[in-house]
Amino acid sequence: MKIGIILLSIFAAGSVWWWNVHRLGPMHGATFSLRFKNFFKSLIAGVIVYFSLMTITLLYLMYTTP
């Protein structure tokens, strides 16, 4: 289950990165600060997805385990 959560968080980070790259156009003209912001947004999205899924899993296990 934890592997699936990690893979989903990596997928979320990659999706945010892909969305930002295609929204901004070609990245060959992007500045370092723009690339860094894109990387940071992707990292934050992955972390948020990871911890939210872990919280949901924890709550599920708390209520279903006798």
PDB file of N, CA and C in Angstrom:
ATOM      1  N   MET A   1       0.812  -1.180   0.000  1.00  0.00           N
ATOM      2  CA  MET A   1       0.000   0.000   0.000  1.00  0.00           C
ATOM      3  C   MET A   1       0.866   1.259   0.000  1.00  0.00           C
ATOM      4  N   LYS A   2       1.950   1.236   0.753  1.00  0.00           N
ATOM      5  CA  LYS A   2       2.814   2.415   0.825  1.00  0.00           C
ATOM      6  C   LYS A   2       3.501   2.667  -0.524  1.00  0.00           C
ATOM      7  N   ILE A   3       3.836   1.608  -1.240  1.00  0.00           N
ATOM      8  CA  ILE A   3       4.443   1.780  -2.564  1.00  0.00           C
ATOM      9  C   ILE A   3       3.460   2.490  -3.497  1.00  0.00           C
ATOM     10  N   GLY A   4       2.194   2.114  -3.419  1.00  0.00           N
ATOM     11  CA  GLY A   4       1.179   2.763  -4.243  1.00  0.00           C
ATOM     12  C   GLY A   4       1.031   4.238  -3.910  1.00  0.00           C
ATOM     13  N   ILE A   5       1.106   4.570  -2.632  1.00  0.00           N
ATOM     14  CA  ILE A   5       1.003   5.967  -2.214  1.00  0.00           C
ATOM     15  C   ILE A   5       2.200   6.754  -2.720  1.00  0.00           C
ATOM     16  N   ILE A   6       3.374   6.159  -2.630  1.00  0.00           N
ATOM     17  CA  ILE A   6       4.580   6.833  -3.129  1.00  0.00           C
ATOM     18  C   ILE A   6       4.488   7.035  -4.639  1.00  0.00           C
ATOM     19  N   LEU A   7       4.022   6.017  -5.356  1.00  0.00           N
ATOM     20  CA  LEU A   7       3.895   6.148  -6.807  1.00  0.00           C
ATOM     21  C   LEU A   7       2.853   7.192  -7.189  1.00  0.00           C
ATOM     22  N   LEU A   8       1.752   7.266  -6.459  1.00  0.00           N
ATOM     23  CA  LEU A   8       0.750   8.289  -6.732  1.00  0.00           C
ATOM     24  C   LEU A   8       1.280   9.695  -6.465  1.00  0.00           C
ATOM     25  N   SER A   9       2.094   9.848  -5.430  1.00  0.00           N
ATOM     26  CA  SER A   9       2.650  11.170  -5.147  1.00  0.00           C
ATOM     27  C   SER A   9       3.682  11.562  -6.215  1.00  0.00           C
ATOM     28  N   ILE A  10       4.452  10.601  -6.707  1.00  0.00           N
ATOM     29  CA  ILE A  10       5.381  10.886  -7.798  1.00  0.00           C
ATOM     30  C   ILE A  10       4.615  11.236  -9.070  1.00  0.00           C
ATOM     31  N   PHE A  11       3.530  10.525  -9.318  1.00  0.00           N
ATOM     32  CA  PHE A  11       2.694  10.828 -10.472  1.00  0.00           C
ATOM     33  C   PHE A  11       2.090  12.232 -10.368  1.00  0.00           C
ATOM     34  N   ALA A  12       1.657  12.619  -9.171  1.00  0.00           N
ATOM     35  CA  ALA A  12       1.097  13.961  -8.971  1.00  0.00           C
ATOM     36  C   ALA A  12       2.157  15.035  -9.215  1.00  0.00           C
ATOM     37  N   ALA A  13       3.363  14.807  -8.711  1.00  0.00           N
ATOM     38  CA  ALA A  13       4.444  15.774  -8.928  1.00  0.00           C
ATOM     39  C   ALA A  13       4.782  15.880 -10.413  1.00  0.00           C
ATOM     40  N   GLY A  14       4.834  14.757 -11.086  1.00  0.00           N
ATOM     41  CA  GLY A  14       5.107  14.776 -12.527  1.00  0.00           C
ATOM     42  C   GLY A  14       3.998  15.434 -13.320  1.00  0.00           C
ATOM     43  N   SER A  15       2.767  15.241 -12.892  1.00  0.00           N
ATOM     44  CA  SER A  15       1.641  15.863 -13.582  1.00  0.00           C
ATOM     45  C   SER A  15       1.658  17.378 -13.428  1.00  0.00           C
ATOM     46  N   VAL A  16       1.976  17.847 -12.234  1.00  0.00           N
ATOM     47  CA  VAL A  16       2.071  19.295 -12.022  1.00  0.00           C
ATOM     48  C   VAL A  16       3.207  19.874 -12.851  1.00  0.00           C
ATOM     49  N   TRP A  17       4.340  19.185 -12.886  1.00  0.00           N
ATOM     50  CA  TRP A  17       5.457  19.655 -13.704  1.00  0.00           C
ATOM     51  C   TRP A  17       5.055  19.709 -15.173  1.00  0.00           C
ATOM     52  N   TRP A  18       4.408  18.646 -15.669  1.00  0.00           N
ATOM     53  CA  TRP A  18       3.989  18.606 -17.072  1.00  0.00           C
ATOM     54  C   TRP A  18       3.006  19.725 -17.380  1.00  0.00           C
ATOM     55  N   TRP A  19       2.042  19.951 -16.475  1.00  0.00           N
ATOM     56  CA  TRP A  19       1.048  21.002 -16.687  1.00  0.00           C
ATOM     57  C   TRP A  19       1.713  22.375 -16.757  1.00  0.00           C
ATOM     58  N   ASN A  20       2.667  22.626 -15.848  1.00  0.00           N
ATOM     59  CA  ASN A  20       3.343  23.924 -15.848  1.00  0.00           C
ATOM     60  C   ASN A  20       4.202  24.118 -17.088  1.00  0.00           C
ATOM     61  N   VAL A  21       4.866  23.078 -17.553  1.00  0.00           N
ATOM     62  CA  VAL A  21       5.711  23.188 -18.741  1.00  0.00           C
ATOM     63  C   VAL A  21       4.863  23.478 -19.973  1.00  0.00           C
ATOM     64  N   HIS A  22       3.750  22.775 -20.117  1.00  0.00           N
ATOM     65  CA  HIS A  22       2.920  22.978 -21.299  1.00  0.00           C
ATOM     66  C   HIS A  22       2.109  24.258 -21.231  1.00  0.00           C
ATOM     67  N   ARG A  23       1.829  24.723 -20.031  1.00  0.00           N
ATOM     68  CA  ARG A  23       1.101  25.979 -19.886  1.00  0.00           C
ATOM     69  C   ARG A  23       2.002  27.157 -20.229  1.00  0.00           C
ATOM     70  N   LEU A  24       3.280  27.055 -19.872  1.00  0.00           N
ATOM     71  CA  LEU A  24       4.210  28.160 -20.095  1.00  0.00           C
ATOM     72  C   LEU A  24       4.830  28.139 -21.483  1.00  0.00           C
ATOM     73  N   GLY A  25       4.680  27.062 -22.191  1.00  0.00           N
ATOM     74  CA  GLY A  25       5.297  26.955 -23.509  1.00  0.00           C
ATOM     75  C   GLY A  25       6.653  26.288 -23.410  1.00  0.00           C
ATOM     76  N   PRO A  26       7.466  26.432 -24.447  1.00  0.00           N
ATOM     77  CA  PRO A  26       8.787  25.782 -24.436  1.00  0.00           C
ATOM     78  C   PRO A  26       9.670  26.308 -23.300  1.00  0.00           C
ATOM     79  N   MET A  27      10.331  25.387 -22.621  1.00  0.00           N
ATOM     80  CA  MET A  27      11.156  25.769 -21.475  1.00  0.00           C
ATOM     81  C   MET A  27      12.571  26.189 -21.870  1.00  0.00           C
ATOM     82  N   HIS A  28      12.925  26.146 -23.148  1.00  0.00           N
ATOM     83  CA  HIS A  28      14.295  26.505 -23.505  1.00  0.00           C
ATOM     84  C   HIS A  28      14.561  27.990 -23.290  1.00  0.00           C
ATOM     85  N   GLY A  29      13.529  28.797 -23.224  1.00  0.00           N
ATOM     86  CA  GLY A  29      13.710  30.219 -22.968  1.00  0.00           C
ATOM     87  C   GLY A  29      13.400  30.612 -21.537  1.00  0.00           C
ATOM     88  N   ALA A  30      13.111  29.641 -20.692  1.00  0.00           N
ATOM     89  CA  ALA A  30      12.733  29.940 -19.317  1.00  0.00           C
ATOM     90  C   ALA A  30      13.959  30.291 -18.480  1.00  0.00           C
ATOM     91  N   THR A  31      13.767  31.183 -17.553  1.00  0.00           N
ATOM     92  CA  THR A  31      14.853  31.571 -16.662  1.00  0.00           C
ATOM     93  C   THR A  31      15.008  30.532 -15.557  1.00  0.00           C
ATOM     94  N   PHE A  32      16.099  30.665 -14.828  1.00  0.00           N
ATOM     95  CA  PHE A  32      16.354  29.724 -13.734  1.00  0.00           C
ATOM     96  C   PHE A  32      15.284  29.853 -12.651  1.00  0.00           C
ATOM     97  N   SER A  33      14.870  31.075 -12.358  1.00  0.00           N
ATOM     98  CA  SER A  33      13.866  31.261 -11.306  1.00  0.00           C
ATOM     99  C   SER A  33      12.529  30.636 -11.702  1.00  0.00           C
ATOM    100  N   LEU A  34      12.172  30.703 -12.975  1.00  0.00           N
ATOM    101  CA  LEU A  34      10.934  30.087 -13.431  1.00  0.00           C
ATOM    102  C   LEU A  34      11.018  28.567 -13.351  1.00  0.00           C
ATOM    103  N   ARG A  35      12.155  28.011 -13.706  1.00  0.00           N
ATOM    104  CA  ARG A  35      12.341  26.564 -13.586  1.00  0.00           C
ATOM    105  C   ARG A  35      12.326  26.119 -12.127  1.00  0.00           C
ATOM    106  N   PHE A  36      12.931  26.940 -11.260  1.00  0.00           N
ATOM    107  CA  PHE A  36      12.954  26.613  -9.840  1.00  0.00           C
ATOM    108  C   PHE A  36      11.546  26.659  -9.259  1.00  0.00           C
ATOM    109  N   LYS A  37      10.744  27.645  -9.635  1.00  0.00           N
ATOM    110  CA  LYS A  37       9.355  27.721  -9.174  1.00  0.00           C
ATOM    111  C   LYS A  37       8.563  26.515  -9.648  1.00  0.00           C
ATOM    112  N   ASN A  38       8.790  26.091 -10.884  1.00  0.00           N
ATOM    113  CA  ASN A  38       8.113  24.913 -11.420  1.00  0.00           C
ATOM    114  C   ASN A  38       8.497  23.666 -10.630  1.00  0.00           C
ATOM    115  N   PHE A  39       9.774  23.521 -10.342  1.00  0.00           N
ATOM    116  CA  PHE A  39      10.248  22.384  -9.550  1.00  0.00           C
ATOM    117  C   PHE A  39       9.646  22.411  -8.149  1.00  0.00           C
ATOM    118  N   PHE A  40       9.613  23.589  -7.528  1.00  0.00           N
ATOM    119  CA  PHE A  40       9.093  23.710  -6.168  1.00  0.00           C
ATOM    120  C   PHE A  40       7.600  23.405  -6.122  1.00  0.00           C
ATOM    121  N   LYS A  41       6.838  23.879  -7.104  1.00  0.00           N
ATOM    122  CA  LYS A  41       5.401  23.579  -7.155  1.00  0.00           C
ATOM    123  C   LYS A  41       5.168  22.079  -7.302  1.00  0.00           C
ATOM    124  N   SER A  42       5.972  21.435  -8.134  1.00  0.00           N
ATOM    125  CA  SER A  42       5.830  19.995  -8.331  1.00  0.00           C
ATOM    126  C   SER A  42       6.159  19.238  -7.053  1.00  0.00           C
ATOM    127  N   LEU A  43       7.207  19.647  -6.382  1.00  0.00           N
ATOM    128  CA  LEU A  43       7.606  18.996  -5.142  1.00  0.00           C
ATOM    129  C   LEU A  43       6.533  19.157  -4.064  1.00  0.00           C
ATOM    130  N   ILE A  44       5.988  20.349  -3.939  1.00  0.00           N
ATOM    131  CA  ILE A  44       4.945  20.600  -2.950  1.00  0.00           C
ATOM    132  C   ILE A  44       3.701  19.770  -3.257  1.00  0.00           C
ATOM    133  N   ALA A  45       3.338  19.667  -4.538  1.00  0.00           N
ATOM    134  CA  ALA A  45       2.167  18.866  -4.913  1.00  0.00           C
ATOM    135  C   ALA A  45       2.374  17.404  -4.531  1.00  0.00           C
ATOM    136  N   GLY A  46       3.552  16.872  -4.785  1.00  0.00           N
ATOM    137  CA  GLY A  46       3.844  15.491  -4.412  1.00  0.00           C
ATOM    138  C   GLY A  46       3.788  15.266  -2.912  1.00  0.00           C
ATOM    139  N   VAL A  47       4.307  16.208  -2.143  1.00  0.00           N
ATOM    140  CA  VAL A  47       4.300  16.095  -0.686  1.00  0.00           C
ATOM    141  C   VAL A  47       2.872  16.174  -0.148  1.00  0.00           C
ATOM    142  N   ILE A  48       2.074  17.079  -0.697  1.00  0.00           N
ATOM    143  CA  ILE A  48       0.688  17.210  -0.242  1.00  0.00           C
ATOM    144  C   ILE A  48      -0.099  15.936  -0.533  1.00  0.00           C
ATOM    145  N   VAL A  49       0.082  15.388  -1.722  1.00  0.00           N
ATOM    146  CA  VAL A  49      -0.626  14.146  -2.063  1.00  0.00           C
ATOM    147  C   VAL A  49      -0.167  13.006  -1.157  1.00  0.00           C
ATOM    148  N   TYR A  50       1.120  12.910  -0.911  1.00  0.00           N
ATOM    149  CA  TYR A  50       1.643  11.842  -0.064  1.00  0.00           C
ATOM    150  C   TYR A  50       1.042  11.901   1.339  1.00  0.00           C
ATOM    151  N   PHE A  51       1.119  13.073   1.973  1.00  0.00           N
ATOM    152  CA  PHE A  51       0.640  13.170   3.344  1.00  0.00           C
ATOM    153  C   PHE A  51      -0.876  13.081   3.437  1.00  0.00           C
ATOM    154  N   SER A  52      -1.584  13.559   2.444  1.00  0.00           N
ATOM    155  CA  SER A  52      -3.043  13.414   2.500  1.00  0.00           C
ATOM    156  C   SER A  52      -3.446  11.947   2.356  1.00  0.00           C
ATOM    157  N   LEU A  53      -2.795  11.196   1.475  1.00  0.00           N
ATOM    158  CA  LEU A  53      -3.100   9.772   1.343  1.00  0.00           C
ATOM    159  C   LEU A  53      -2.696   8.990   2.592  1.00  0.00           C
ATOM    160  N   MET A  54      -1.589   9.359   3.212  1.00  0.00           N
ATOM    161  CA  MET A  54      -1.188   8.696   4.450  1.00  0.00           C
ATOM    162  C   MET A  54      -2.182   9.003   5.576  1.00  0.00           C
ATOM    163  N   THR A  55      -2.717  10.211   5.609  1.00  0.00           N
ATOM    164  CA  THR A  55      -3.708  10.562   6.616  1.00  0.00           C
ATOM    165  C   THR A  55      -4.998   9.782   6.405  1.00  0.00           C
ATOM    166  N   ILE A  56      -5.421   9.669   5.156  1.00  0.00           N
ATOM    167  CA  ILE A  56      -6.621   8.890   4.855  1.00  0.00           C
ATOM    168  C   ILE A  56      -6.422   7.426   5.234  1.00  0.00           C
ATOM    169  N   THR A  57      -5.258   6.895   4.945  1.00  0.00           N
ATOM    170  CA  THR A  57      -4.954   5.506   5.305  1.00  0.00           C
ATOM    171  C   THR A  57      -4.948   5.326   6.815  1.00  0.00           C
ATOM    172  N   LEU A  58      -4.356   6.258   7.526  1.00  0.00           N
ATOM    173  CA  LEU A  58      -4.325   6.179   8.985  1.00  0.00           C
ATOM    174  C   LEU A  58      -5.733   6.226   9.567  1.00  0.00           C
ATOM    175  N   LEU A  59      -6.552   7.130   9.081  1.00  0.00           N
ATOM    176  CA  LEU A  59      -7.931   7.221   9.571  1.00  0.00           C
ATOM    177  C   LEU A  59      -8.717   5.953   9.255  1.00  0.00           C
ATOM    178  N   TYR A  60      -8.516   5.406   8.066  1.00  0.00           N
ATOM    179  CA  TYR A  60      -9.188   4.164   7.699  1.00  0.00           C
ATOM    180  C   TYR A  60      -8.782   3.025   8.630  1.00  0.00           C
ATOM    181  N   LEU A  61      -7.499   2.906   8.891  1.00  0.00           N
ATOM    182  CA  LEU A  61      -7.034   1.830   9.756  1.00  0.00           C
ATOM    183  C   LEU A  61      -7.471   2.027  11.208  1.00  0.00           C
ATOM    184  N   MET A  62      -7.578   3.271  11.653  1.00  0.00           N
ATOM    185  CA  MET A  62      -8.035   3.535  13.019  1.00  0.00           C
ATOM    186  C   MET A  62      -9.490   3.100  13.208  1.00  0.00           C
ATOM    187  N   TYR A  63     -10.312   3.304  12.212  1.00  0.00           N
ATOM    188  CA  TYR A  63     -11.721   2.985  12.355  1.00  0.00           C
ATOM    189  C   TYR A  63     -12.094   1.564  11.990  1.00  0.00           C
ATOM    190  N   THR A  64     -11.263   0.890  11.220  1.00  0.00           N
ATOM    191  CA  THR A  64     -11.609  -0.476  10.821  1.00  0.00           C
ATOM    192  C   THR A  64     -10.896  -1.540  11.650  1.00  0.00           C
ATOM    193  N   THR A  65      -9.869  -1.193  12.375  1.00  0.00           N
ATOM    194  CA  THR A  65      -9.149  -2.161  13.183  1.00  0.00           C
ATOM    195  C   THR A  65      -9.799  -2.240  14.573  1.00  0.00           C
ATOM    196  N   PRO A  66     -10.088  -3.454  15.015  1.00  0.00           N
ATOM    197  CA  PRO A  66     -10.764  -3.584  16.338  1.00  0.00           C
ATOM    198  C   PRO A  66      -9.861  -3.209  17.488  1.00  0.00           C
TER     199      PRO A  66
END
